[in-house]
Amino acid sequence: MSNVNFLLALKIGITGYLVLIGILFLFYILLTGFVKFFTRSDSNGSKKGEGKSSE
C-alpha cells in the first residue's frame, strides 16, 4: 500500500517539476521576446525623434 502511495507521489512530483520547468522556459521566451520588441521600438522611436528634431 505504501509502495503505491510512494509511486503516486513520485509521479506527481516529477510531473509538477516538469511543468514548473516548462512554465519558466515559456516565461523566459516571452520575456526575451518583449525585450527585443521594446528595444526595436525604442531604437525606431529614437530614429524618428531625431528625424523630427532635425526637420
PDB file of N, CA and C in Angstrom:
ATOM      1  N   MET A   1       0.836  -1.205   0.000  1.00  0.00           N
ATOM      2  CA  MET A   1       0.000   0.000   0.000  1.00  0.00           C
ATOM      3  C   MET A   1       0.869   1.252   0.000  1.00  0.00           C
ATOM      4  N   SER A   2       1.886   1.247   0.846  1.00  0.00           N
ATOM      5  CA  SER A   2       2.753   2.426   0.903  1.00  0.00           C
ATOM      6  C   SER A   2       3.581   2.552  -0.374  1.00  0.00           C
ATOM      7  N   ASN A   3       3.867   1.412  -1.029  1.00  0.00           N
ATOM      8  CA  ASN A   3       4.627   1.456  -2.275  1.00  0.00           C
ATOM      9  C   ASN A   3       3.824   2.172  -3.361  1.00  0.00           C
ATOM     10  N   VAL A   4       2.511   1.932  -3.404  1.00  0.00           N
ATOM     11  CA  VAL A   4       1.645   2.589  -4.392  1.00  0.00           C
ATOM     12  C   VAL A   4       1.591   4.084  -4.113  1.00  0.00           C
ATOM     13  N   ASN A   5       1.469   4.455  -2.841  1.00  0.00           N
ATOM     14  CA  ASN A   5       1.427   5.874  -2.489  1.00  0.00           C
ATOM     15  C   ASN A   5       2.747   6.555  -2.834  1.00  0.00           C
ATOM     16  N   PHE A   6       3.854   5.852  -2.619  1.00  0.00           N
ATOM     17  CA  PHE A   6       5.164   6.426  -2.939  1.00  0.00           C
ATOM     18  C   PHE A   6       5.297   6.663  -4.442  1.00  0.00           C
ATOM     19  N   LEU A   7       4.869   5.678  -5.244  1.00  0.00           N
ATOM     20  CA  LEU A   7       4.949   5.838  -6.700  1.00  0.00           C
ATOM     21  C   LEU A   7       4.032   6.956  -7.179  1.00  0.00           C
ATOM     22  N   LEU A   8       2.855   7.074  -6.580  1.00  0.00           N
ATOM     23  CA  LEU A   8       1.931   8.145  -6.959  1.00  0.00           C
ATOM     24  C   LEU A   8       2.519   9.509  -6.598  1.00  0.00           C
ATOM     25  N   ALA A   9       3.101   9.617  -5.417  1.00  0.00           N
ATOM     26  CA  ALA A   9       3.719  10.873  -5.006  1.00  0.00           C
ATOM     27  C   ALA A   9       4.916  11.201  -5.896  1.00  0.00           C
ATOM     28  N   LEU A  10       5.686  10.190  -6.259  1.00  0.00           N
ATOM     29  CA  LEU A  10       6.838  10.401  -7.140  1.00  0.00           C
ATOM     30  C   LEU A  10       6.376  10.876  -8.516  1.00  0.00           C
ATOM     31  N   LYS A  11       5.312  10.257  -9.025  1.00  0.00           N
ATOM     32  CA  LYS A  11       4.768  10.656 -10.330  1.00  0.00           C
ATOM     33  C   LYS A  11       4.265  12.098 -10.291  1.00  0.00           C
ATOM     34  N   ILE A  12       3.550  12.462  -9.236  1.00  0.00           N
ATOM     35  CA  ILE A  12       3.034  13.828  -9.103  1.00  0.00           C
ATOM     36  C   ILE A  12       4.191  14.819  -8.964  1.00  0.00           C
ATOM     37  N   GLY A  13       5.211  14.441  -8.210  1.00  0.00           N
ATOM     38  CA  GLY A  13       6.359  15.326  -8.027  1.00  0.00           C
ATOM     39  C   GLY A  13       7.115  15.557  -9.322  1.00  0.00           C
ATOM     40  N   ILE A  14       7.359  14.499 -10.078  1.00  0.00           N
ATOM     41  CA  ILE A  14       8.072  14.636 -11.353  1.00  0.00           C
ATOM     42  C   ILE A  14       7.237  15.455 -12.334  1.00  0.00           C
ATOM     43  N   THR A  15       5.936  15.201 -12.378  1.00  0.00           N
ATOM     44  CA  THR A  15       5.060  15.956 -13.274  1.00  0.00           C
ATOM     45  C   THR A  15       5.067  17.436 -12.906  1.00  0.00           C
ATOM     46  N   GLY A  16       4.959  17.734 -11.632  1.00  0.00           N
ATOM     47  CA  GLY A  16       4.985  19.127 -11.190  1.00  0.00           C
ATOM     48  C   GLY A  16       6.310  19.795 -11.499  1.00  0.00           C
ATOM     49  N   TYR A  17       7.398  19.070 -11.340  1.00  0.00           N
ATOM     50  CA  TYR A  17       8.724  19.618 -11.628  1.00  0.00           C
ATOM     51  C   TYR A  17       8.866  19.931 -13.112  1.00  0.00           C
ATOM     52  N   LEU A  18       8.407  19.022 -13.977  1.00  0.00           N
ATOM     53  CA  LEU A  18       8.484  19.254 -15.419  1.00  0.00           C
ATOM     54  C   LEU A  18       7.589  20.416 -15.837  1.00  0.00           C
ATOM     55  N   VAL A  19       6.414  20.525 -15.231  1.00  0.00           N
ATOM     56  CA  VAL A  19       5.520  21.647 -15.542  1.00  0.00           C
ATOM     57  C   VAL A  19       6.167  22.959 -15.113  1.00  0.00           C
ATOM     58  N   LEU A  20       6.813  22.976 -13.965  1.00  0.00           N
ATOM     59  CA  LEU A  20       7.491  24.181 -13.492  1.00  0.00           C
ATOM     60  C   LEU A  20       8.601  24.585 -14.450  1.00  0.00           C
ATOM     61  N   ILE A  21       9.391  23.626 -14.916  1.00  0.00           N
ATOM     62  CA  ILE A  21      10.452  23.916 -15.882  1.00  0.00           C
ATOM     63  C   ILE A  21       9.847  24.467 -17.174  1.00  0.00           C
ATOM     64  N   GLY A  22       8.755  23.868 -17.637  1.00  0.00           N
ATOM     65  CA  GLY A  22       8.103  24.339 -18.859  1.00  0.00           C
ATOM     66  C   GLY A  22       7.580  25.755 -18.722  1.00  0.00           C
ATOM     67  N   ILE A  23       6.966  26.073 -17.592  1.00  0.00           N
ATOM     68  CA  ILE A  23       6.436  27.422 -17.371  1.00  0.00           C
ATOM     69  C   ILE A  23       7.576  28.433 -17.317  1.00  0.00           C
ATOM     70  N   LEU A  24       8.655  28.104 -16.622  1.00  0.00           N
ATOM     71  CA  LEU A  24       9.792  29.022 -16.553  1.00  0.00           C
ATOM     72  C   LEU A  24      10.420  29.219 -17.926  1.00  0.00           C
ATOM     73  N   PHE A  25      10.495  28.164 -18.736  1.00  0.00           N
ATOM     74  CA  PHE A  25      11.064  28.272 -20.081  1.00  0.00           C
ATOM     75  C   PHE A  25      10.189  29.153 -20.965  1.00  0.00           C
ATOM     76  N   LEU A  26       8.861  28.966 -20.891  1.00  0.00           N
ATOM     77  CA  LEU A  26       7.955  29.817 -21.666  1.00  0.00           C
ATOM     78  C   LEU A  26       8.042  31.266 -21.204  1.00  0.00           C
ATOM     79  N   PHE A  27       8.141  31.494 -19.897  1.00  0.00           N
ATOM     80  CA  PHE A  27       8.273  32.852 -19.369  1.00  0.00           C
ATOM     81  C   PHE A  27       9.565  33.488 -19.862  1.00  0.00           C
ATOM     82  N   TYR A  28      10.649  32.709 -19.939  1.00  0.00           N
ATOM     83  CA  TYR A  28      11.925  33.217 -20.446  1.00  0.00           C
ATOM     84  C   TYR A  28      11.802  33.614 -21.920  1.00  0.00           C
ATOM     85  N   ILE A  29      11.124  32.781 -22.711  1.00  0.00           N
ATOM     86  CA  ILE A  29      10.944  33.088 -24.138  1.00  0.00           C
ATOM     87  C   ILE A  29      10.112  34.360 -24.303  1.00  0.00           C
ATOM     88  N   LEU A  30       9.018  34.464 -23.551  1.00  0.00           N
ATOM     89  CA  LEU A  30       8.175  35.657 -23.653  1.00  0.00           C
ATOM     90  C   LEU A  30       8.926  36.898 -23.194  1.00  0.00           C
ATOM     91  N   LEU A  31       9.691  36.786 -22.123  1.00  0.00           N
ATOM     92  CA  LEU A  31      10.433  37.934 -21.606  1.00  0.00           C
ATOM     93  C   LEU A  31      11.472  38.404 -22.608  1.00  0.00           C
ATOM     94  N   THR A  32      12.236  37.501 -23.186  1.00  0.00           N
ATOM     95  CA  THR A  32      13.239  37.898 -24.179  1.00  0.00           C
ATOM     96  C   THR A  32      12.561  38.455 -25.426  1.00  0.00           C
ATOM     97  N   GLY A  33      11.404  37.917 -25.794  1.00  0.00           N
ATOM     98  CA  GLY A  33      10.669  38.448 -26.942  1.00  0.00           C
ATOM     99  C   GLY A  33      10.199  39.864 -26.695  1.00  0.00           C
ATOM    100  N   PHE A  34       9.685  40.149 -25.502  1.00  0.00           N
ATOM    101  CA  PHE A  34       9.246  41.501 -25.184  1.00  0.00           C
ATOM    102  C   PHE A  34      10.428  42.458 -25.131  1.00  0.00           C
ATOM    103  N   VAL A  35      11.550  42.017 -24.593  1.00  0.00           N
ATOM    104  CA  VAL A  35      12.733  42.880 -24.524  1.00  0.00           C
ATOM    105  C   VAL A  35      13.212  43.225 -25.929  1.00  0.00           C
ATOM    106  N   LYS A  36      13.264  42.236 -26.815  1.00  0.00           N
ATOM    107  CA  LYS A  36      13.676  42.500 -28.195  1.00  0.00           C
ATOM    108  C   LYS A  36      12.690  43.435 -28.881  1.00  0.00           C
ATOM    109  N   PHE A  37      11.393  43.229 -28.636  1.00  0.00           N
ATOM    110  CA  PHE A  37      10.381  44.078 -29.261  1.00  0.00           C
ATOM    111  C   PHE A  37      10.508  45.516 -28.779  1.00  0.00           C
ATOM    112  N   PHE A  38      10.689  45.709 -27.470  1.00  0.00           N
ATOM    113  CA  PHE A  38      10.773  47.068 -26.940  1.00  0.00           C
ATOM    114  C   PHE A  38      12.078  47.746 -27.340  1.00  0.00           C
ATOM    115  N   THR A  39      13.173  47.013 -27.437  1.00  0.00           N
ATOM    116  CA  THR A  39      14.421  47.639 -27.871  1.00  0.00           C
ATOM    117  C   THR A  39      14.319  48.048 -29.335  1.00  0.00           C
ATOM    118  N   ARG A  40      13.643  47.248 -30.153  1.00  0.00           N
ATOM    119  CA  ARG A  40      13.444  47.640 -31.553  1.00  0.00           C
ATOM    120  C   ARG A  40      12.561  48.874 -31.638  1.00  0.00           C
ATOM    121  N   SER A  41      11.475  48.923 -30.876  1.00  0.00           N
ATOM    122  CA  SER A  41      10.568  50.066 -30.935  1.00  0.00           C
ATOM    123  C   SER A  41      11.257  51.314 -30.385  1.00  0.00           C
ATOM    124  N   ASP A  42      12.103  51.154 -29.360  1.00  0.00           N
ATOM    125  CA  ASP A  42      12.828  52.305 -28.823  1.00  0.00           C
ATOM    126  C   ASP A  42      13.830  52.832 -29.838  1.00  0.00           C
ATOM    127  N   SER A  43      14.551  51.947 -30.501  1.00  0.00           N
ATOM    128  CA  SER A  43      15.535  52.399 -31.482  1.00  0.00           C
ATOM    129  C   SER A  43      14.828  53.061 -32.659  1.00  0.00           C
ATOM    130  N   ASN A  44      13.699  52.506 -33.090  1.00  0.00           N
ATOM    131  CA  ASN A  44      12.944  53.133 -34.171  1.00  0.00           C
ATOM    132  C   ASN A  44      12.367  54.468 -33.710  1.00  0.00           C
ATOM    133  N   GLY A  45      11.889  54.516 -32.486  1.00  0.00           N
ATOM    134  CA  GLY A  45      11.328  55.762 -31.963  1.00  0.00           C
ATOM    135  C   GLY A  45      12.389  56.835 -31.846  1.00  0.00           C
ATOM    136  N   SER A  46      13.602  56.454 -31.418  1.00  0.00           N
ATOM    137  CA  SER A  46      14.667  57.449 -31.291  1.00  0.00           C
ATOM    138  C   SER A  46      15.083  57.955 -32.664  1.00  0.00           C
ATOM    139  N   LYS A  47      15.089  57.057 -33.659  1.00  0.00           N
ATOM    140  CA  LYS A  47      15.430  57.494 -35.018  1.00  0.00           C
ATOM    141  C   LYS A  47      14.366  58.448 -35.548  1.00  0.00           C
ATOM    142  N   LYS A  48      13.096  58.126 -35.294  1.00  0.00           N
ATOM    143  CA  LYS A  48      12.029  59.017 -35.733  1.00  0.00           C
ATOM    144  C   LYS A  48      12.119  60.350 -34.994  1.00  0.00           C
ATOM    145  N   GLY A  49      12.436  60.289 -33.708  1.00  0.00           N
ATOM    146  CA  GLY A  49      12.573  61.513 -32.924  1.00  0.00           C
ATOM    147  C   GLY A  49      13.709  62.380 -33.439  1.00  0.00           C
ATOM    148  N   GLU A  50      14.829  61.762 -33.811  1.00  0.00           N
ATOM    149  CA  GLU A  50      15.957  62.517 -34.347  1.00  0.00           C
ATOM    150  C   GLU A  50      15.581  63.141 -35.683  1.00  0.00           C
ATOM    151  N   GLY A  51      14.825  62.397 -36.489  1.00  0.00           N
ATOM    152  CA  GLY A  51      14.398  62.924 -37.782  1.00  0.00           C
ATOM    153  C   GLY A  51      13.486  64.130 -37.607  1.00  0.00           C
ATOM    154  N   LYS A  52      12.588  64.048 -36.644  1.00  0.00           N
ATOM    155  CA  LYS A  52      11.675  65.168 -36.403  1.00  0.00           C
ATOM    156  C   LYS A  52      12.429  66.366 -35.836  1.00  0.00           C
ATOM    157  N   SER A  53      13.407  66.141 -34.982  1.00  0.00           N
ATOM    158  CA  SER A  53      14.146  67.252 -34.392  1.00  0.00           C
ATOM    159  C   SER A  53      15.040  67.927 -35.422  1.00  0.00           C
ATOM    160  N   SER A  54      15.523  67.189 -36.422  1.00  0.00           N
ATOM    161  CA  SER A  54      16.397  67.780 -37.436  1.00  0.00           C
ATOM    162  C   SER A  54      15.587  68.562 -38.466  1.00  0.00           C
ATOM    163  N   GLU A  55      14.282  68.273 -38.579  1.00  0.00           N
ATOM    164  CA  GLU A  55      13.474  68.988 -39.574  1.00  0.00           C
ATOM    165  C   GLU A  55      13.177  70.410 -39.157  1.00  0.00           C
TER     166      GLU A  55
END
